[in-house]
Amino acid sequence: QVQLVESGGGLVQAGGSLRLSCAASGRTFSSLTMGWFRQAPGKEREFVAAINRSGGGTYYADSVKVRFIISNDNAKNTVSLQMNSLKPEDTAVYYCAASNVYYYTTSAARSAAGYDYWGQGTQVTVSS
C-alpha cells in the first residue's frame, strides 16, 4: 500500500502561483510513475502532469504545458507541482496519484485508470 497526502492548495488571483506537494509513504519503492490530476465541479477528472520517479520523463497536458512544472524528490518521497500563470480555469481539486507502471509517453501516463493509489485532493481556486 502507498499513502499519498497533498498539500499547498488555496486561493490565488489569476496570474499568480501555487506549489502543490504530495508526500508518499508506505511501499513507495513500487511507485514508478507519479501523477497529478484535477477535477473541477461538474467535470471529469483530467490529467495534469506526471513524472517517472527514476529520473526518466515528464509529461504534461497541453493546457498546462510551460506554466506547470512537476518534480520529485526520491529521498523525501515527495512530488511537487509548481503552478505559474494560473488561470480561473485551473480551479479544481488537485489529486496526487501513484502508479506501479513506468510510463514512457504522455498518452500512456494520462489515463487515470493506470494509477493504483490516490490522495484525498487539495482545492485550488483561482479568482479572476
Foldseek 3Di string as FASTA:
>chain_A
DKAKAKDWADEEAAQAKTKMKIAIDDPLVLFQKKFKWWDDPPGDIWGAKMDGPVPDDIAGDPVQPPQKDWDADVVRRMIMIIGGRDDQVVWTWMKMFTASDNDDDNVVVTDPVRTDDIYPTDTHGYHD
